[in-house]
Amino acid sequence: MTEEIAKFYDALSDLVKSFEQKNVTLKMTQDLDSGMVKIYGERSSALTRAKAGLDEVAELAYDTAEHHPYWNLLYDGSQILKIVLEKWNEDLTEDELKEIKWYAEKIKDATANVSGNHHH
């Protein structure tokens, strides 16, 4: 962590605290070693945060070249999670279950392809 990032985080923490004193509920998490700070508003839930995290995973899957040995695992896994999170408070339809099974088969095939291939 650089000194500049530490100073920024401290200033941001003070700003968040000032809003909390005005009864604005915020949650801030940080991983300064990775250069990440996240701020969540009062209406964010575990589900909305999971969806946001999945968007980050999907972005990596879309940006990663398809020739990467783990691309299929990442992409197909993220597609299953997308379906599950979208329907978290509802029942999955038969079509959605079929789609999940199809992606699961693709993951099974991709796992066989990378088995014994240790990517560095």
C-alpha atoms as a PDB file:
ATOM      1  CA  MET A   1       0.000   0.000   0.000  1.00  0.00           C
ATOM      2  CA  THR A   2       1.408   3.359  -0.963  1.00  0.00           C
ATOM      3  CA  GLU A   3       1.344   6.346   1.351  1.00  0.00           C
ATOM      4  CA  GLU A   4      -0.990   8.189  -1.046  1.00  0.00           C
ATOM      5  CA  ILE A   5      -3.570   5.403  -0.962  1.00  0.00           C
ATOM      6  CA  ALA A   6      -3.359   5.276   2.836  1.00  0.00           C
ATOM      7  CA  LYS A   7      -3.972   9.037   3.015  1.00  0.00           C
ATOM      8  CA  PHE A   8      -6.897   8.720   0.591  1.00  0.00           C
ATOM      9  CA  TYR A   9      -8.425   5.897   2.632  1.00  0.00           C
ATOM     10  CA  ASP A  10      -8.090   7.885   5.862  1.00  0.00           C
ATOM     11  CA  ALA A  11      -9.761  10.927   4.264  1.00  0.00           C
ATOM     12  CA  LEU A  12     -12.512   8.730   2.827  1.00  0.00           C
ATOM     13  CA  SER A  13     -13.058   7.109   6.233  1.00  0.00           C
ATOM     14  CA  ASP A  14     -13.529  10.550   7.755  1.00  0.00           C
ATOM     15  CA  LEU A  15     -16.038  11.437   5.034  1.00  0.00           C
ATOM     16  CA  VAL A  16     -18.005   8.217   5.607  1.00  0.00           C
ATOM     17  CA  LYS A  17     -18.041   8.870   9.370  1.00  0.00           C
ATOM     18  CA  SER A  18     -19.333  12.415   8.777  1.00  0.00           C
ATOM     19  CA  PHE A  19     -22.257  11.024   6.782  1.00  0.00           C
ATOM     20  CA  GLU A  20     -22.953   8.383   9.421  1.00  0.00           C
ATOM     21  CA  GLN A  21     -23.253  11.192  11.990  1.00  0.00           C
ATOM     22  CA  LYS A  22     -26.030  12.579   9.754  1.00  0.00           C
ATOM     23  CA  ASN A  23     -27.818   9.189   9.992  1.00  0.00           C
ATOM     24  CA  VAL A  24     -26.743   8.065   6.528  1.00  0.00           C
ATOM     25  CA  THR A  25     -25.992   4.364   6.808  1.00  0.00           C
ATOM     26  CA  LEU A  26     -22.900   3.390   4.853  1.00  0.00           C
ATOM     27  CA  LYS A  27     -20.695   0.353   4.944  1.00  0.00           C
ATOM     28  CA  MET A  28     -17.115   0.583   3.784  1.00  0.00           C
ATOM     29  CA  THR A  29     -14.826  -2.369   3.216  1.00  0.00           C
ATOM     30  CA  GLN A  30     -11.248  -2.249   2.096  1.00  0.00           C
ATOM     31  CA  ASP A  31      -8.410  -4.377   0.821  1.00  0.00           C
ATOM     32  CA  LEU A  32      -5.712  -1.763   0.571  1.00  0.00           C
ATOM     33  CA  ASP A  33      -3.064  -4.296  -0.448  1.00  0.00           C
ATOM     34  CA  SER A  34      -5.133  -4.859  -3.605  1.00  0.00           C
ATOM     35  CA  GLY A  35      -5.934  -1.155  -3.934  1.00  0.00           C
ATOM     36  CA  MET A  36      -9.666  -1.627  -3.337  1.00  0.00           C
ATOM     37  CA  VAL A  37     -12.180   0.282  -1.260  1.00  0.00           C
ATOM     38  CA  LYS A  38     -15.915  -0.413  -1.528  1.00  0.00           C
ATOM     39  CA  ILE A  39     -18.716   1.691  -0.135  1.00  0.00           C
ATOM     40  CA  TYR A  40     -22.241   0.336   0.192  1.00  0.00           C
ATOM     41  CA  GLY A  41     -25.390   2.347   0.813  1.00  0.00           C
ATOM     42  CA  GLU A  42     -28.098   1.463   3.278  1.00  0.00           C
ATOM     43  CA  ARG A  43     -30.262  -0.281   0.668  1.00  0.00           C
ATOM     44  CA  SER A  44     -27.531  -2.684  -0.376  1.00  0.00           C
ATOM     45  CA  SER A  45     -28.061  -6.247   0.716  1.00  0.00           C
ATOM     46  CA  ALA A  46     -25.959  -9.364   0.596  1.00  0.00           C
ATOM     47  CA  LEU A  47     -27.808 -10.233  -2.625  1.00  0.00           C
ATOM     48  CA  THR A  48     -27.123  -6.881  -4.325  1.00  0.00           C
ATOM     49  CA  ARG A  49     -23.471  -7.053  -3.243  1.00  0.00           C
ATOM     50  CA  ALA A  50     -23.211 -10.601  -4.629  1.00  0.00           C
ATOM     51  CA  LYS A  51     -24.665  -9.425  -7.948  1.00  0.00           C
ATOM     52  CA  ALA A  52     -22.149  -6.579  -8.063  1.00  0.00           C
ATOM     53  CA  GLY A  53     -19.320  -9.022  -7.345  1.00  0.00           C
ATOM     54  CA  LEU A  54     -20.597 -11.315 -10.061  1.00  0.00           C
ATOM     55  CA  ASP A  55     -20.506  -8.381 -12.485  1.00  0.00           C
ATOM     56  CA  GLU A  56     -16.769  -8.129 -11.702  1.00  0.00           C
ATOM     57  CA  VAL A  57     -16.339 -11.859 -12.372  1.00  0.00           C
ATOM     58  CA  ALA A  58     -18.307 -11.599 -15.628  1.00  0.00           C
ATOM     59  CA  GLU A  59     -16.162  -8.666 -16.733  1.00  0.00           C
ATOM     60  CA  LEU A  60     -13.043 -10.765 -16.204  1.00  0.00           C
ATOM     61  CA  ALA A  61     -14.627 -13.629 -18.148  1.00  0.00           C
ATOM     62  CA  TYR A  62     -15.528 -11.320 -21.041  1.00  0.00           C
ATOM     63  CA  ASP A  63     -12.081  -9.688 -21.059  1.00  0.00           C
ATOM     64  CA  THR A  64     -10.122 -12.937 -20.738  1.00  0.00           C
ATOM     65  CA  ALA A  65      -9.116 -14.545 -23.982  1.00  0.00           C
ATOM     66  CA  GLU A  66     -11.016 -17.728 -24.746  1.00  0.00           C
ATOM     67  CA  HIS A  67      -7.733 -19.561 -25.205  1.00  0.00           C
ATOM     68  CA  HIS A  68      -6.955 -19.205 -21.472  1.00  0.00           C
ATOM     69  CA  PRO A  69      -7.208 -22.707 -19.974  1.00  0.00           C
ATOM     70  CA  TYR A  70      -9.619 -21.591 -17.249  1.00  0.00           C
ATOM     71  CA  TRP A  71     -11.851 -19.394 -19.408  1.00  0.00           C
ATOM     72  CA  ASN A  72     -14.640 -21.976 -19.725  1.00  0.00           C
ATOM     73  CA  LEU A  73     -14.642 -22.629 -15.985  1.00  0.00           C
ATOM     74  CA  LEU A  74     -14.896 -18.922 -15.236  1.00  0.00           C
ATOM     75  CA  TYR A  75     -17.471 -18.087 -17.878  1.00  0.00           C
ATOM     76  CA  ASP A  76     -19.761 -21.087 -17.438  1.00  0.00           C
ATOM     77  CA  GLY A  77     -19.594 -20.845 -13.649  1.00  0.00           C
ATOM     78  CA  SER A  78     -20.493 -17.162 -13.789  1.00  0.00           C
ATOM     79  CA  GLN A  79     -23.480 -17.934 -16.025  1.00  0.00           C
ATOM     80  CA  ILE A  80     -24.826 -20.426 -13.490  1.00  0.00           C
ATOM     81  CA  LEU A  81     -24.375 -17.898 -10.704  1.00  0.00           C
ATOM     82  CA  LYS A  82     -26.095 -15.201 -12.749  1.00  0.00           C
ATOM     83  CA  ILE A  83     -29.204 -17.369 -13.153  1.00  0.00           C
ATOM     84  CA  VAL A  84     -29.199 -18.313  -9.462  1.00  0.00           C
ATOM     85  CA  LEU A  85     -28.791 -14.739  -8.208  1.00  0.00           C
ATOM     86  CA  GLU A  86     -31.452 -13.375 -10.554  1.00  0.00           C
ATOM     87  CA  LYS A  87     -33.942 -15.947  -9.264  1.00  0.00           C
ATOM     88  CA  TRP A  88     -32.758 -15.912  -5.625  1.00  0.00           C
ATOM     89  CA  ASN A  89     -36.202 -15.092  -4.240  1.00  0.00           C
ATOM     90  CA  GLU A  90     -38.161 -17.066  -6.828  1.00  0.00           C
ATOM     91  CA  ASP A  91     -38.418 -20.622  -8.109  1.00  0.00           C
ATOM     92  CA  LEU A  92     -36.197 -21.667 -10.989  1.00  0.00           C
ATOM     93  CA  THR A  93     -38.130 -22.631 -14.113  1.00  0.00           C
ATOM     94  CA  GLU A  94     -37.575 -25.914 -15.912  1.00  0.00           C
ATOM     95  CA  ASP A  95     -35.791 -24.016 -18.707  1.00  0.00           C
ATOM     96  CA  GLU A  96     -33.485 -22.323 -16.200  1.00  0.00           C
ATOM     97  CA  LEU A  97     -32.709 -25.666 -14.564  1.00  0.00           C
ATOM     98  CA  LYS A  98     -31.917 -27.121 -18.005  1.00  0.00           C
ATOM     99  CA  GLU A  99     -29.652 -24.162 -18.720  1.00  0.00           C
ATOM    100  CA  ILE A 100     -27.846 -24.653 -15.391  1.00  0.00           C
ATOM    101  CA  LYS A 101     -27.384 -28.362 -16.165  1.00  0.00           C
ATOM    102  CA  TRP A 102     -26.026 -27.460 -19.622  1.00  0.00           C
ATOM    103  CA  TYR A 103     -23.474 -25.051 -18.117  1.00  0.00           C
ATOM    104  CA  ALA A 104     -22.610 -27.670 -15.480  1.00  0.00           C
ATOM    105  CA  GLU A 105     -21.852 -30.175 -18.246  1.00  0.00           C
ATOM    106  CA  LYS A 106     -19.650 -27.588 -19.938  1.00  0.00           C
ATOM    107  CA  ILE A 107     -17.831 -27.102 -16.623  1.00  0.00           C
ATOM    108  CA  LYS A 108     -17.403 -30.859 -16.325  1.00  0.00           C
ATOM    109  CA  ASP A 109     -15.886 -30.972 -19.826  1.00  0.00           C
ATOM    110  CA  ALA A 110     -13.656 -27.963 -19.127  1.00  0.00           C
ATOM    111  CA  THR A 111     -12.478 -29.553 -15.876  1.00  0.00           C
ATOM    112  CA  ALA A 112     -11.453 -32.664 -17.798  1.00  0.00           C
ATOM    113  CA  ASN A 113      -9.541 -30.476 -20.248  1.00  0.00           C
ATOM    114  CA  VAL A 114      -7.531 -28.716 -17.532  1.00  0.00           C
ATOM    115  CA  SER A 115      -7.041 -31.788 -15.379  1.00  0.00           C
ATOM    116  CA  GLY A 116      -3.324 -32.264 -14.954  1.00  0.00           C
ATOM    117  CA  ASN A 117      -2.625 -28.969 -16.731  1.00  0.00           C
ATOM    118  CA  HIS A 118      -1.289 -26.698 -13.998  1.00  0.00           C
ATOM    119  CA  HIS A 119      -1.438 -23.130 -15.282  1.00  0.00           C
ATOM    120  CA  HIS A 120       1.025 -20.674 -13.776  1.00  0.00           C
END
